[in-house]
Amino acid sequence: MSDEELMRAALAVAHGALASGDVPVGAVIINKQGEIVATGHNERELHNDPTAHAEIVAIRRACKKTGQWRLEDHTIIVTLEPCAMCAGAIAQSRISTVIFGAWDEKAGAVGSVWDLLRDPRSLYKVEVRAGVLVDKCSAMLKDFIQGVRKRG
């Protein structure tokens, strides 16, 4: 599948966050054969858990499914640039590639505010492809935020 097709899958997963009032961020993890191993969307509001970001949810599910904590030769596709916590989890799980859509100019840790995954001091090097379907990913987030502001 192309990066765009994979991002469409992540966008579809992101919609699942809306039912619990979570920010609609979705993540998909694929193996080297291109098969979807796990998905996740934000579940912070659902579980009152600040660590329940889409990437963390998907990583936990992928590790459970594969029976390993090392996800070498796996790719994570996420609709929003990972934060520092998620970038750390991606590195620690040894995911080899990150594909993301929208940039996070406030808390992004894969190129916006920080670049934890490509820092020369990082122990694990991760390939990063950014800005995939950026307009669609950004629009989903903006629509959610505008809806929250109207209700608040």
C-alpha atoms as a PDB file:
ATOM      1  CA  MET A   1       0.000   0.000   0.000  1.00  0.00           C
ATOM      2  CA  SER A   2       1.127   3.565  -0.643  1.00  0.00           C
ATOM      3  CA  ASP A   3       1.759   6.076   2.134  1.00  0.00           C
ATOM      4  CA  GLU A   4      -1.492   7.815   1.162  1.00  0.00           C
ATOM      5  CA  GLU A   5      -3.524   4.581   1.393  1.00  0.00           C
ATOM      6  CA  LEU A   6      -1.993   3.832   4.774  1.00  0.00           C
ATOM      7  CA  MET A   7      -2.791   7.353   5.990  1.00  0.00           C
ATOM      8  CA  ARG A   8      -6.403   6.933   4.857  1.00  0.00           C
ATOM      9  CA  ALA A   9      -6.545   3.835   7.064  1.00  0.00           C
ATOM     10  CA  ALA A  10      -5.154   5.862   9.990  1.00  0.00           C
ATOM     11  CA  LEU A  11      -7.724   8.601   9.354  1.00  0.00           C
ATOM     12  CA  ALA A  12     -10.498   6.003   9.470  1.00  0.00           C
ATOM     13  CA  VAL A  13      -9.155   4.734  12.804  1.00  0.00           C
ATOM     14  CA  ALA A  14      -9.005   8.312  14.146  1.00  0.00           C
ATOM     15  CA  HIS A  15     -12.789   8.643  13.820  1.00  0.00           C
ATOM     16  CA  GLY A  16     -13.132   6.071  16.614  1.00  0.00           C
ATOM     17  CA  ALA A  17     -11.814   8.604  19.111  1.00  0.00           C
ATOM     18  CA  LEU A  18     -14.772  10.919  18.598  1.00  0.00           C
ATOM     19  CA  ALA A  19     -17.266   8.701  20.435  1.00  0.00           C
ATOM     20  CA  SER A  20     -15.456   9.289  23.740  1.00  0.00           C
ATOM     21  CA  GLY A  21     -14.670  12.949  23.098  1.00  0.00           C
ATOM     22  CA  ASP A  22     -11.012  12.230  22.477  1.00  0.00           C
ATOM     23  CA  VAL A  23      -8.940  14.208  19.990  1.00  0.00           C
ATOM     24  CA  PRO A  24      -9.244  12.293  16.704  1.00  0.00           C
ATOM     25  CA  VAL A  25      -5.748  10.920  16.199  1.00  0.00           C
ATOM     26  CA  GLY A  26      -5.333   7.487  14.659  1.00  0.00           C
ATOM     27  CA  ALA A  27      -2.388   5.122  14.296  1.00  0.00           C
ATOM     28  CA  VAL A  28      -1.820   1.992  12.236  1.00  0.00           C
ATOM     29  CA  ILE A  29       1.147  -0.371  12.551  1.00  0.00           C
ATOM     30  CA  ILE A  30       2.140  -2.587   9.648  1.00  0.00           C
ATOM     31  CA  ASN A  31       4.757  -5.325   9.382  1.00  0.00           C
ATOM     32  CA  LYS A  32       7.376  -5.626   6.625  1.00  0.00           C
ATOM     33  CA  GLN A  33       4.889  -7.563   4.474  1.00  0.00           C
ATOM     34  CA  GLY A  34       2.561  -4.546   4.612  1.00  0.00           C
ATOM     35  CA  GLU A  35      -0.055  -6.297   6.752  1.00  0.00           C
ATOM     36  CA  ILE A  36      -1.849  -4.300   9.418  1.00  0.00           C
ATOM     37  CA  VAL A  37      -0.745  -5.666  12.788  1.00  0.00           C
ATOM     38  CA  ALA A  38      -2.527  -3.195  15.080  1.00  0.00           C
ATOM     39  CA  THR A  39      -4.434   0.067  15.197  1.00  0.00           C
ATOM     40  CA  GLY A  40      -5.180   2.592  17.886  1.00  0.00           C
ATOM     41  CA  HIS A  41      -6.807   5.953  18.437  1.00  0.00           C
ATOM     42  CA  ASN A  42      -6.612   8.380  21.318  1.00  0.00           C
ATOM     43  CA  GLU A  43      -8.274   6.975  24.445  1.00  0.00           C
ATOM     44  CA  ARG A  44      -7.219   9.509  27.080  1.00  0.00           C
ATOM     45  CA  GLU A  45     -10.747  10.674  27.851  1.00  0.00           C
ATOM     46  CA  LEU A  46     -12.161   7.167  27.548  1.00  0.00           C
ATOM     47  CA  HIS A  47      -9.787   5.721  30.186  1.00  0.00           C
ATOM     48  CA  ASN A  48      -8.695   8.868  32.051  1.00  0.00           C
ATOM     49  CA  ASP A  49      -5.158   7.882  31.056  1.00  0.00           C
ATOM     50  CA  PRO A  50      -2.706  10.561  29.902  1.00  0.00           C
ATOM     51  CA  THR A  51      -0.563   7.895  28.224  1.00  0.00           C
ATOM     52  CA  ALA A  52      -3.393   6.562  26.036  1.00  0.00           C
ATOM     53  CA  HIS A  53      -2.257   8.333  22.876  1.00  0.00           C
ATOM     54  CA  ALA A  54      -3.019   6.632  19.556  1.00  0.00           C
ATOM     55  CA  GLU A  55       0.608   5.549  19.079  1.00  0.00           C
ATOM     56  CA  ILE A  56       0.905   4.027  22.554  1.00  0.00           C
ATOM     57  CA  VAL A  57      -2.412   2.175  22.160  1.00  0.00           C
ATOM     58  CA  ALA A  58      -1.308   0.783  18.788  1.00  0.00           C
ATOM     59  CA  ILE A  59       2.169  -0.172  20.057  1.00  0.00           C
ATOM     60  CA  ARG A  60       0.695  -2.028  23.037  1.00  0.00           C
ATOM     61  CA  ARG A  61      -1.677  -3.934  20.755  1.00  0.00           C
ATOM     62  CA  ALA A  62       1.081  -4.757  18.253  1.00  0.00           C
ATOM     63  CA  CYS A  63       3.363  -6.075  21.009  1.00  0.00           C
ATOM     64  CA  LYS A  64       0.543  -8.198  22.403  1.00  0.00           C
ATOM     65  CA  LYS A  65      -0.308  -9.578  18.965  1.00  0.00           C
ATOM     66  CA  THR A  66       3.303 -10.329  17.980  1.00  0.00           C
ATOM     67  CA  GLY A  67       4.340 -11.513  21.433  1.00  0.00           C
ATOM     68  CA  GLN A  68       7.385  -9.249  21.290  1.00  0.00           C
ATOM     69  CA  TRP A  69       8.262  -5.801  22.531  1.00  0.00           C
ATOM     70  CA  ARG A  70      10.669  -5.263  19.631  1.00  0.00           C
ATOM     71  CA  LEU A  71       8.813  -4.136  16.533  1.00  0.00           C
ATOM     72  CA  GLU A  72      11.776  -4.013  14.178  1.00  0.00           C
ATOM     73  CA  ASP A  73      10.790  -3.923  10.510  1.00  0.00           C
ATOM     74  CA  HIS A  74       7.432  -2.385  11.448  1.00  0.00           C
ATOM     75  CA  THR A  75       6.056   0.972  10.363  1.00  0.00           C
ATOM     76  CA  ILE A  76       3.707   3.211  12.303  1.00  0.00           C
ATOM     77  CA  ILE A  77       1.398   5.547  10.419  1.00  0.00           C
ATOM     78  CA  VAL A  78      -0.156   8.303  12.517  1.00  0.00           C
ATOM     79  CA  THR A  79      -2.369  11.246  11.617  1.00  0.00           C
ATOM     80  CA  LEU A  80      -0.520  13.716  13.878  1.00  0.00           C
ATOM     81  CA  GLU A  81       3.196  14.177  14.485  1.00  0.00           C
ATOM     82  CA  PRO A  82       4.137  12.161  17.591  1.00  0.00           C
ATOM     83  CA  CYS A  83       4.818  13.977  20.862  1.00  0.00           C
ATOM     84  CA  ALA A  84       7.931  13.351  22.977  1.00  0.00           C
ATOM     85  CA  MET A  85       6.288  10.492  24.903  1.00  0.00           C
ATOM     86  CA  CYS A  86       5.183   8.741  21.719  1.00  0.00           C
ATOM     87  CA  ALA A  87       8.483   9.359  19.927  1.00  0.00           C
ATOM     88  CA  GLY A  88      10.236   7.766  22.908  1.00  0.00           C
ATOM     89  CA  ALA A  89       7.905   4.762  22.793  1.00  0.00           C
ATOM     90  CA  ILE A  90       8.473   4.419  19.048  1.00  0.00           C
ATOM     91  CA  ALA A  91      12.245   4.405  19.566  1.00  0.00           C
ATOM     92  CA  GLN A  92      12.067   2.015  22.527  1.00  0.00           C
ATOM     93  CA  SER A  93       9.897  -0.432  20.583  1.00  0.00           C
ATOM     94  CA  ARG A  94      12.429  -0.320  17.721  1.00  0.00           C
ATOM     95  CA  ILE A  95       9.855   0.629  15.089  1.00  0.00           C
ATOM     96  CA  SER A  96      11.868   1.335  11.959  1.00  0.00           C
ATOM     97  CA  THR A  97       9.674   3.856  10.120  1.00  0.00           C
ATOM     98  CA  VAL A  98       7.244   6.614  11.088  1.00  0.00           C
ATOM     99  CA  ILE A  99       4.823   8.147   8.616  1.00  0.00           C
ATOM    100  CA  PHE A 100       2.724  11.059   9.858  1.00  0.00           C
ATOM    101  CA  GLY A 101       0.274  13.564   8.459  1.00  0.00           C
ATOM    102  CA  ALA A 102      -0.271  16.824  10.340  1.00  0.00           C
ATOM    103  CA  TRP A 103       2.539  18.719  12.023  1.00  0.00           C
ATOM    104  CA  ASP A 104       2.172  19.569  15.718  1.00  0.00           C
ATOM    105  CA  GLU A 105       3.756  22.989  16.118  1.00  0.00           C
ATOM    106  CA  LYS A 106       3.144  22.990  19.892  1.00  0.00           C
ATOM    107  CA  ALA A 107       4.292  19.528  21.009  1.00  0.00           C
ATOM    108  CA  GLY A 108       5.672  17.701  17.970  1.00  0.00           C
ATOM    109  CA  ALA A 109       8.815  15.681  18.621  1.00  0.00           C
ATOM    110  CA  VAL A 110       9.582  14.420  15.115  1.00  0.00           C
ATOM    111  CA  GLY A 111      10.605  17.674  13.460  1.00  0.00           C
ATOM    112  CA  SER A 112       8.460  20.571  14.718  1.00  0.00           C
ATOM    113  CA  VAL A 113       9.517  21.417  18.260  1.00  0.00           C
ATOM    114  CA  TRP A 114      12.028  18.606  18.713  1.00  0.00           C
ATOM    115  CA  ASP A 115      13.360  15.840  16.494  1.00  0.00           C
ATOM    116  CA  LEU A 116      13.944  13.002  18.920  1.00  0.00           C
ATOM    117  CA  LEU A 117      13.926  10.214  16.352  1.00  0.00           C
ATOM    118  CA  ARG A 118      16.563  11.731  14.049  1.00  0.00           C
ATOM    119  CA  ASP A 119      18.756  13.367  16.675  1.00  0.00           C
ATOM    120  CA  PRO A 120      22.346  12.210  16.091  1.00  0.00           C
ATOM    121  CA  ARG A 121      22.561  11.280  19.786  1.00  0.00           C
ATOM    122  CA  SER A 122      19.575   8.912  19.576  1.00  0.00           C
ATOM    123  CA  LEU A 123      20.364   5.250  20.139  1.00  0.00           C
ATOM    124  CA  TYR A 124      17.878   4.034  17.526  1.00  0.00           C
ATOM    125  CA  LYS A 125      17.573   5.576  14.096  1.00  0.00           C
ATOM    126  CA  VAL A 126      14.096   5.788  12.642  1.00  0.00           C
ATOM    127  CA  GLU A 127      13.120   6.720   9.099  1.00  0.00           C
ATOM    128  CA  VAL A 128      10.549   9.526   9.061  1.00  0.00           C
ATOM    129  CA  ARG A 129       8.177  10.514   6.251  1.00  0.00           C
ATOM    130  CA  ALA A 130       6.135  13.581   7.124  1.00  0.00           C
ATOM    131  CA  GLY A 131       3.214  15.516   5.698  1.00  0.00           C
ATOM    132  CA  VAL A 132       1.300  12.612   4.141  1.00  0.00           C
ATOM    133  CA  LEU A 133      -2.263  13.809   3.441  1.00  0.00           C
ATOM    134  CA  VAL A 134      -1.428  16.762   5.671  1.00  0.00           C
ATOM    135  CA  ASP A 135      -4.514  18.736   4.597  1.00  0.00           C
ATOM    136  CA  LYS A 136      -6.946  15.924   5.444  1.00  0.00           C
ATOM    137  CA  CYS A 137      -5.221  15.177   8.761  1.00  0.00           C
ATOM    138  CA  SER A 138      -5.102  18.857   9.727  1.00  0.00           C
ATOM    139  CA  ALA A 139      -8.731  19.405   8.740  1.00  0.00           C
ATOM    140  CA  MET A 140      -9.927  16.561  10.971  1.00  0.00           C
ATOM    141  CA  LEU A 141      -8.132  18.064  13.958  1.00  0.00           C
ATOM    142  CA  LYS A 142      -9.252  21.633  13.205  1.00  0.00           C
ATOM    143  CA  ASP A 143     -12.890  20.533  12.836  1.00  0.00           C
ATOM    144  CA  PHE A 144     -12.710  18.789  16.216  1.00  0.00           C
ATOM    145  CA  ILE A 145     -11.126  21.789  17.950  1.00  0.00           C
ATOM    146  CA  GLN A 146     -13.657  24.206  16.445  1.00  0.00           C
ATOM    147  CA  GLY A 147     -16.484  21.943  17.645  1.00  0.00           C
ATOM    148  CA  VAL A 148     -15.067  21.905  21.170  1.00  0.00           C
ATOM    149  CA  ARG A 149     -14.774  25.715  21.179  1.00  0.00           C
ATOM    150  CA  LYS A 150     -18.394  26.082  20.034  1.00  0.00           C
ATOM    151  CA  ARG A 151     -19.591  23.790  22.862  1.00  0.00           C
ATOM    152  CA  GLY A 152     -17.342  25.401  25.462  1.00  0.00           C
END
